[in-house]
Each structure stands twice: as C-alpha cells, then as structure tokens.
Amino acid sequence: MKKIKVVSYWLEIRSDDDSIEHEHESLVKIKNAIYRHVDNIDSCQIKTEVVSVCEYCGRNWTEDSDKYNACCEQDEMDQEKRLRLN
C-alpha cells in the first residue's frame, strides 16, 4: 500500500518592499537556531528567489533588454539619452 512520507518543510518569507533584502543575517540566525533546537535535521538551507524590476519605479521587468523596460518616465528618459548617444 502506498504511504505518503513528508520529506521536507518550507518556511517561506515574502515581502513586497525592499526590507526583505536586508534580512539575510536574521535568516542565518534562525537557521542556526533550527539546528540547535530541532533533532535529526539533515539540511537547513536559505534559498533566495529574485525578480528583475525597474530601478526607478520598482515595476516588474518584462522586456528582453536589460536597459529599457518602457515602464515609467525615468526609464523612457534614459532610453532617449541612449538613443541620442548612438
């Protein structure tokens, strides 16, 4: 008979603002505490998911180009400057 066996648990922490980028040190402390307080842990990892966003407006990056996303006024102005230089 088939049995379902749990092999891992995930603790996922998400934030819509930039504060999450500065939390790595806290996550390392949590990870070390897990090793101290939970028996029979083979592995505890900190995994990071990243997304590309516009440096000016923070919108998700949707274009193939690394320089132009057409998402905000400042991005448009930068693109116009690049075109004038070429």
N, C-alpha and C. Protein backbone atom coordinates (compact mmCIF):
# COMPACT_ATOMS: atom_id res chain seq x y z
N MET A 1 0.85 -1.19 0.00
CA MET A 1 0.00 0.00 0.00
C MET A 1 0.88 1.24 0.00
N LYS A 2 0.49 2.19 -0.76
CA LYS A 2 1.24 3.43 -0.88
C LYS A 2 1.11 4.26 0.39
N LYS A 3 2.24 4.81 0.81
CA LYS A 3 2.27 5.65 2.00
C LYS A 3 2.87 7.01 1.61
N ILE A 4 2.29 8.06 2.11
CA ILE A 4 2.82 9.40 1.87
C ILE A 4 3.78 9.73 3.01
N LYS A 5 5.00 10.08 2.64
CA LYS A 5 6.03 10.39 3.62
C LYS A 5 6.46 11.85 3.44
N VAL A 6 6.42 12.62 4.49
CA VAL A 6 6.88 14.00 4.45
C VAL A 6 8.40 14.00 4.49
N VAL A 7 9.02 14.65 3.50
CA VAL A 7 10.48 14.67 3.45
C VAL A 7 11.06 16.07 3.69
N SER A 8 10.21 17.09 3.62
CA SER A 8 10.72 18.43 3.90
C SER A 8 9.58 19.39 4.21
N TYR A 9 9.92 20.44 4.90
CA TYR A 9 9.01 21.55 5.17
C TYR A 9 9.68 22.81 4.66
N TRP A 10 8.89 23.78 4.23
CA TRP A 10 9.43 25.04 3.76
C TRP A 10 8.85 26.18 4.58
N LEU A 11 9.71 27.05 5.01
CA LEU A 11 9.29 28.29 5.63
C LEU A 11 9.58 29.38 4.62
N GLU A 12 8.55 29.98 4.08
CA GLU A 12 8.72 30.99 3.04
C GLU A 12 8.40 32.36 3.61
N ILE A 13 9.33 33.28 3.42
CA ILE A 13 9.15 34.64 3.90
C ILE A 13 9.14 35.56 2.69
N ARG A 14 8.06 36.30 2.51
CA ARG A 14 7.93 37.21 1.36
C ARG A 14 7.63 38.62 1.86
N SER A 15 8.09 39.58 1.09
CA SER A 15 7.80 40.98 1.38
C SER A 15 7.75 41.74 0.07
N ASP A 16 6.82 42.67 -0.06
CA ASP A 16 6.70 43.47 -1.27
C ASP A 16 7.63 44.67 -1.28
N ASP A 17 8.20 45.00 -0.12
CA ASP A 17 9.10 46.15 -0.11
C ASP A 17 10.55 45.67 -0.07
N ASP A 18 11.47 46.60 -0.05
CA ASP A 18 12.89 46.27 -0.13
C ASP A 18 13.48 45.78 1.19
N SER A 19 12.72 45.80 2.27
CA SER A 19 13.28 45.43 3.57
C SER A 19 13.74 43.97 3.61
N ILE A 20 13.14 43.11 2.82
CA ILE A 20 13.50 41.69 2.84
C ILE A 20 14.95 41.48 2.41
N GLU A 21 15.47 42.37 1.56
CA GLU A 21 16.84 42.23 1.09
C GLU A 21 17.85 42.34 2.23
N HIS A 22 17.48 42.96 3.31
CA HIS A 22 18.40 43.18 4.42
C HIS A 22 18.22 42.16 5.55
N GLU A 23 17.44 41.14 5.32
CA GLU A 23 17.12 40.18 6.37
C GLU A 23 17.97 38.92 6.36
N HIS A 24 18.96 38.82 5.48
CA HIS A 24 19.73 37.58 5.36
C HIS A 24 20.41 37.23 6.68
N GLU A 25 20.96 38.21 7.38
CA GLU A 25 21.63 37.94 8.65
C GLU A 25 20.66 37.33 9.66
N SER A 26 19.43 37.85 9.73
CA SER A 26 18.42 37.29 10.63
C SER A 26 18.08 35.86 10.25
N LEU A 27 18.00 35.58 8.94
CA LEU A 27 17.68 34.23 8.49
C LEU A 27 18.78 33.25 8.87
N VAL A 28 20.03 33.68 8.82
CA VAL A 28 21.13 32.81 9.23
C VAL A 28 21.00 32.47 10.72
N LYS A 29 20.61 33.44 11.53
CA LYS A 29 20.41 33.19 12.96
C LYS A 29 19.27 32.19 13.18
N ILE A 30 18.18 32.35 12.42
CA ILE A 30 17.05 31.41 12.53
C ILE A 30 17.49 30.01 12.12
N LYS A 31 18.23 29.92 11.03
CA LYS A 31 18.73 28.63 10.56
C LYS A 31 19.58 27.96 11.63
N ASN A 32 20.49 28.70 12.25
CA ASN A 32 21.33 28.12 13.31
C ASN A 32 20.50 27.68 14.51
N ALA A 33 19.46 28.44 14.83
CA ALA A 33 18.58 28.07 15.94
C ALA A 33 17.82 26.78 15.62
N ILE A 34 17.44 26.59 14.38
CA ILE A 34 16.76 25.35 13.98
C ILE A 34 17.67 24.17 14.22
N TYR A 35 18.92 24.29 13.83
CA TYR A 35 19.87 23.19 14.06
C TYR A 35 20.04 22.91 15.56
N ARG A 36 20.01 23.94 16.38
CA ARG A 36 20.17 23.75 17.83
C ARG A 36 18.94 23.11 18.49
N HIS A 37 17.75 23.45 17.98
CA HIS A 37 16.53 23.08 18.70
C HIS A 37 15.71 21.94 18.09
N VAL A 38 16.04 21.56 16.88
CA VAL A 38 15.27 20.50 16.22
C VAL A 38 16.20 19.31 15.96
N ASP A 39 15.79 18.15 16.45
CA ASP A 39 16.61 16.94 16.28
C ASP A 39 16.48 16.37 14.88
N ASN A 40 17.50 15.63 14.47
CA ASN A 40 17.52 14.86 13.23
C ASN A 40 17.33 15.71 11.97
N ILE A 41 17.93 16.88 11.95
CA ILE A 41 17.89 17.73 10.77
C ILE A 41 19.10 17.40 9.90
N ASP A 42 18.85 16.94 8.68
CA ASP A 42 19.95 16.66 7.76
C ASP A 42 20.40 17.93 7.04
N SER A 43 19.47 18.82 6.78
CA SER A 43 19.80 20.00 6.00
C SER A 43 18.82 21.12 6.31
N CYS A 44 19.33 22.31 6.38
CA CYS A 44 18.50 23.51 6.54
C CYS A 44 19.15 24.56 5.66
N GLN A 45 18.43 25.05 4.66
CA GLN A 45 19.01 25.95 3.67
C GLN A 45 18.23 27.25 3.59
N ILE A 46 18.95 28.28 3.24
CA ILE A 46 18.32 29.56 2.92
C ILE A 46 18.33 29.68 1.41
N LYS A 47 17.16 29.71 0.82
CA LYS A 47 17.05 29.84 -0.63
C LYS A 47 16.50 31.22 -0.94
N THR A 48 16.99 31.80 -2.00
CA THR A 48 16.61 33.16 -2.37
C THR A 48 15.96 33.15 -3.74
N GLU A 49 14.82 33.78 -3.84
CA GLU A 49 14.16 33.97 -5.13
C GLU A 49 14.33 35.44 -5.51
N VAL A 50 14.73 35.68 -6.72
CA VAL A 50 14.92 37.06 -7.16
C VAL A 50 14.03 37.36 -8.36
N VAL A 51 13.68 38.61 -8.52
CA VAL A 51 12.93 39.07 -9.68
C VAL A 51 13.61 40.33 -10.20
N SER A 52 13.49 40.58 -11.48
CA SER A 52 14.04 41.79 -12.09
C SER A 52 12.98 42.88 -12.05
N VAL A 53 13.39 44.06 -11.59
CA VAL A 53 12.48 45.20 -11.50
C VAL A 53 13.18 46.45 -12.02
N CYS A 54 12.40 47.44 -12.36
CA CYS A 54 12.94 48.73 -12.78
C CYS A 54 13.56 49.43 -11.57
N GLU A 55 14.75 49.97 -11.76
CA GLU A 55 15.43 50.65 -10.65
C GLU A 55 14.73 51.93 -10.22
N TYR A 56 13.88 52.49 -11.08
CA TYR A 56 13.22 53.74 -10.76
C TYR A 56 11.84 53.55 -10.14
N CYS A 57 11.00 52.75 -10.79
CA CYS A 57 9.60 52.65 -10.32
C CYS A 57 9.31 51.34 -9.59
N GLY A 58 10.21 50.36 -9.71
CA GLY A 58 10.02 49.09 -9.00
C GLY A 58 9.09 48.11 -9.68
N ARG A 59 8.57 48.46 -10.86
CA ARG A 59 7.69 47.53 -11.58
C ARG A 59 8.49 46.33 -12.08
N ASN A 60 7.81 45.20 -12.24
CA ASN A 60 8.47 44.01 -12.77
C ASN A 60 9.05 44.29 -14.15
N TRP A 61 10.21 43.71 -14.42
CA TRP A 61 10.87 43.86 -15.71
C TRP A 61 10.26 42.87 -16.67
N THR A 62 9.75 43.35 -17.79
CA THR A 62 9.03 42.47 -18.73
C THR A 62 9.71 42.37 -20.09
N GLU A 63 10.73 43.17 -20.32
CA GLU A 63 11.37 43.22 -21.64
C GLU A 63 12.63 42.36 -21.69
N ASP A 64 13.04 41.98 -22.90
CA ASP A 64 14.29 41.23 -23.09
C ASP A 64 15.51 42.10 -22.85
N SER A 65 15.40 43.38 -23.15
CA SER A 65 16.51 44.32 -22.97
C SER A 65 16.80 44.51 -21.48
N ASP A 66 18.08 44.61 -21.13
CA ASP A 66 18.45 44.90 -19.75
C ASP A 66 18.44 46.39 -19.43
N LYS A 67 18.26 47.21 -20.48
CA LYS A 67 18.37 48.65 -20.29
C LYS A 67 17.05 49.40 -20.43
N TYR A 68 16.07 48.81 -21.10
CA TYR A 68 14.82 49.55 -21.37
C TYR A 68 13.61 48.65 -21.17
N ASN A 69 12.71 49.11 -20.28
CA ASN A 69 11.51 48.34 -19.95
C ASN A 69 10.22 49.06 -20.34
N ALA A 70 10.30 50.35 -20.68
CA ALA A 70 9.13 51.15 -21.06
C ALA A 70 8.05 51.16 -19.98
N CYS A 71 8.49 51.35 -18.74
CA CYS A 71 7.54 51.24 -17.63
C CYS A 71 7.29 52.56 -16.90
N CYS A 72 8.19 53.53 -17.05
CA CYS A 72 8.00 54.78 -16.32
C CYS A 72 8.71 55.92 -17.05
N GLU A 73 8.46 57.11 -16.61
CA GLU A 73 9.01 58.30 -17.26
C GLU A 73 10.55 58.31 -17.22
N GLN A 74 11.12 57.98 -16.07
CA GLN A 74 12.58 57.99 -15.97
C GLN A 74 13.22 56.95 -16.88
N ASP A 75 12.62 55.79 -17.00
CA ASP A 75 13.12 54.76 -17.91
C ASP A 75 13.04 55.24 -19.36
N GLU A 76 11.96 55.92 -19.70
CA GLU A 76 11.80 56.48 -21.04
C GLU A 76 12.88 57.54 -21.31
N MET A 77 13.14 58.39 -20.32
CA MET A 77 14.15 59.44 -20.48
C MET A 77 15.54 58.83 -20.68
N ASP A 78 15.86 57.80 -19.92
CA ASP A 78 17.15 57.12 -20.08
C ASP A 78 17.29 56.52 -21.48
N GLN A 79 16.21 55.94 -21.98
CA GLN A 79 16.24 55.36 -23.32
C GLN A 79 16.46 56.43 -24.37
N GLU A 80 15.82 57.56 -24.23
CA GLU A 80 16.03 58.67 -25.18
C GLU A 80 17.48 59.13 -25.16
N LYS A 81 18.10 59.22 -23.98
CA LYS A 81 19.50 59.60 -23.88
C LYS A 81 20.39 58.59 -24.59
N ARG A 82 20.13 57.31 -24.38
CA ARG A 82 20.92 56.27 -25.04
C ARG A 82 20.81 56.35 -26.56
N LEU A 83 19.61 56.61 -27.05
CA LEU A 83 19.40 56.70 -28.49
C LEU A 83 20.11 57.92 -29.08
N ARG A 84 20.13 59.03 -28.35
CA ARG A 84 20.82 60.23 -28.84
C ARG A 84 22.34 60.01 -28.91
N LEU A 85 22.87 59.21 -27.99
CA LEU A 85 24.32 58.95 -27.98
C LEU A 85 24.76 58.03 -29.09
N ASN A 86 23.85 57.26 -29.62
CA ASN A 86 24.21 56.31 -30.70
C ASN A 86 24.14 56.91 -32.03
